[in-house]
C-alpha atoms as a PDB file:
ATOM      1  CA  MET A   1     104.394  64.156 125.848  1.00  0.00           C
ATOM      2  CA  ASN A   2     102.139  64.840 128.473  1.00  0.00           C
ATOM      3  CA  ILE A   3     104.120  64.443 131.558  1.00  0.00           C
ATOM      4  CA  LYS A   4     104.548  67.318 134.163  1.00  0.00           C
ATOM      5  CA  PRO A   5     106.970  67.058 137.302  1.00  0.00           C
ATOM      6  CA  LEU A   6     106.274  68.383 140.103  1.00  0.00           C
ATOM      7  CA  ALA A   7     108.316  70.446 142.646  1.00  0.00           C
ATOM      8  CA  ASP A   8     112.162  70.235 141.823  1.00  0.00           C
ATOM      9  CA  ARG A   9     111.931  67.292 139.609  1.00  0.00           C
ATOM     10  CA  VAL A  10     112.922  66.877 136.265  1.00  0.00           C
ATOM     11  CA  VAL A  11     112.484  64.593 133.093  1.00  0.00           C
ATOM     12  CA  ILE A  12     115.396  63.577 131.127  1.00  0.00           C
ATOM     13  CA  GLU A  13     115.445  61.281 127.834  1.00  0.00           C
ATOM     14  CA  PRO A  14     118.600  59.500 127.856  1.00  0.00           C
ATOM     15  CA  LYS A  15     121.265  59.589 125.062  1.00  0.00           C
ATOM     16  CA  THR A  16     120.912  56.164 123.295  1.00  0.00           C
ATOM     17  CA  ALA A  17     124.027  53.561 123.999  1.00  0.00           C
ATOM     18  CA  GLU A  18     126.865  53.584 121.515  1.00  0.00           C
ATOM     19  CA  GLU A  19     126.222  50.559 118.967  1.00  0.00           C
ATOM     20  CA  LYS A  20     129.716  50.174 117.947  1.00  0.00           C
ATOM     21  CA  THR A  21     133.134  50.668 118.819  1.00  0.00           C
ATOM     22  CA  ALA A  22     135.480  53.285 117.660  1.00  0.00           C
ATOM     23  CA  GLY A  23     137.309  50.379 116.225  1.00  0.00           C
ATOM     24  CA  GLY A  24     134.167  49.791 114.416  1.00  0.00           C
ATOM     25  CA  LEU A  25     132.867  46.120 116.961  1.00  0.00           C
ATOM     26  CA  TYR A  26     129.667  45.952 117.962  1.00  0.00           C
ATOM     27  CA  ILE A  27     128.607  45.775 121.060  1.00  0.00           C
ATOM     28  CA  PRO A  28     125.734  43.118 122.399  1.00  0.00           C
ATOM     29  CA  ASP A  29     123.062  44.612 124.360  1.00  0.00           C
ATOM     30  CA  THR A  30     124.568  43.199 127.766  1.00  0.00           C
ATOM     31  CA  ALA A  31     127.730  45.139 127.380  1.00  0.00           C
ATOM     32  CA  LYS A  32     126.049  48.525 126.823  1.00  0.00           C
ATOM     33  CA  GLU A  33     127.072  51.242 129.698  1.00  0.00           C
ATOM     34  CA  LYS A  34     123.985  53.237 130.586  1.00  0.00           C
ATOM     35  CA  PRO A  35     124.334  56.356 129.073  1.00  0.00           C
ATOM     36  CA  LEU A  36     125.281  59.299 131.665  1.00  0.00           C
ATOM     37  CA  GLU A  37     123.889  62.437 129.504  1.00  0.00           C
ATOM     38  CA  GLY A  38     120.807  63.204 128.149  1.00  0.00           C
ATOM     39  CA  VAL A  39     117.929  66.017 127.289  1.00  0.00           C
ATOM     40  CA  VAL A  40     115.946  67.450 129.504  1.00  0.00           C
ATOM     41  CA  LEU A  41     111.823  67.495 128.464  1.00  0.00           C
ATOM     42  CA  ALA A  42     110.450  68.962 131.459  1.00  0.00           C
ATOM     43  CA  VAL A  43     111.438  70.616 134.363  1.00  0.00           C
ATOM     44  CA  GLY A  44     108.851  71.611 137.661  1.00  0.00           C
ATOM     45  CA  ALA A  45     108.571  74.724 139.235  1.00  0.00           C
ATOM     46  CA  GLY A  46     110.725  74.156 142.061  1.00  0.00           C
ATOM     47  CA  THR A  47     110.200  75.213 145.865  1.00  0.00           C
ATOM     48  CA  LYS A  48     110.508  78.320 148.249  1.00  0.00           C
ATOM     49  CA  ASP A  49     114.162  76.444 148.969  1.00  0.00           C
ATOM     50  CA  VAL A  50     115.156  75.276 145.116  1.00  0.00           C
ATOM     51  CA  THR A  51     115.191  77.574 142.374  1.00  0.00           C
ATOM     52  CA  MET A  52     115.672  75.729 139.162  1.00  0.00           C
ATOM     53  CA  GLU A  53     118.861  75.876 137.287  1.00  0.00           C
ATOM     54  CA  VAL A  54     117.990  73.762 134.529  1.00  0.00           C
ATOM     55  CA  SER A  55     115.435  74.327 131.318  1.00  0.00           C
ATOM     56  CA  VAL A  56     113.778  72.412 129.009  1.00  0.00           C
ATOM     57  CA  GLY A  57     116.529  71.303 126.013  1.00  0.00           C
ATOM     58  CA  ASP A  58     119.394  71.591 128.218  1.00  0.00           C
ATOM     59  CA  LYS A  59     121.964  68.994 127.803  1.00  0.00           C
ATOM     60  CA  VAL A  60     122.916  67.268 130.997  1.00  0.00           C
ATOM     61  CA  LEU A  61     124.911  64.748 132.876  1.00  0.00           C
ATOM     62  CA  TYR A  62     123.913  62.635 135.431  1.00  0.00           C
ATOM     63  CA  GLY A  63     124.760  60.391 138.255  1.00  0.00           C
ATOM     64  CA  LYS A  64     125.049  56.759 137.267  1.00  0.00           C
ATOM     65  CA  TYR A  65     122.377  55.305 139.662  1.00  0.00           C
ATOM     66  CA  SER A  66     120.535  58.613 139.665  1.00  0.00           C
ATOM     67  CA  GLY A  67     116.451  59.426 139.055  1.00  0.00           C
ATOM     68  CA  THR A  68     113.731  56.566 138.546  1.00  0.00           C
ATOM     69  CA  GLU A  69     113.374  54.810 135.089  1.00  0.00           C
ATOM     70  CA  ILE A  70     109.904  55.451 133.738  1.00  0.00           C
ATOM     71  CA  ASN A  71     107.969  54.671 130.474  1.00  0.00           C
ATOM     72  CA  VAL A  72     105.817  57.044 128.435  1.00  0.00           C
ATOM     73  CA  ASP A  73     104.364  57.310 124.824  1.00  0.00           C
ATOM     74  CA  GLY A  74     106.882  54.137 124.266  1.00  0.00           C
ATOM     75  CA  LYS A  75     109.948  56.419 124.742  1.00  0.00           C
ATOM     76  CA  ASN A  76     112.273  55.727 127.727  1.00  0.00           C
ATOM     77  CA  LEU A  77     112.812  58.322 130.678  1.00  0.00           C
ATOM     78  CA  ILE A  78     114.225  59.129 133.410  1.00  0.00           C
ATOM     79  CA  ILE A  79     112.540  61.272 135.780  1.00  0.00           C
ATOM     80  CA  MET A  80     115.055  62.334 139.010  1.00  0.00           C
ATOM     81  CA  ARG A  81     115.479  65.752 141.226  1.00  0.00           C
ATOM     82  CA  GLN A  82     117.624  68.145 140.066  1.00  0.00           C
ATOM     83  CA  SER A  83     120.090  68.311 142.900  1.00  0.00           C
ATOM     84  CA  ASP A  84     121.115  64.335 141.320  1.00  0.00           C
ATOM     85  CA  ILE A  85     122.268  66.419 137.744  1.00  0.00           C
ATOM     86  CA  LEU A  86     125.818  66.734 137.778  1.00  0.00           C
ATOM     87  CA  ALA A  87     126.260  69.316 135.198  1.00  0.00           C
ATOM     88  CA  LYS A  88     124.589  70.901 131.717  1.00  0.00           C
ATOM     89  CA  PHE A  89     126.389  71.657 128.915  1.00  0.00           C
END
């Protein structure tokens, strides 16, 4: 991956959406929920006011409508500000 976020932004690879329910039923593409968790792939340097608290490889939770979806090297990624991340685990 050849992308470097600026300032307080991070690049996240979202977790893939579930294909089946717990009961074994297949979920059609139109009914799949957008995943709300992912893995941090790249982190910006931060700003004088914002210290970066996440690092590459962290698993994070983020808001449903946060970030901008981008496609890099055939992968669907999300770029967002660190403040849009709700938690890391």
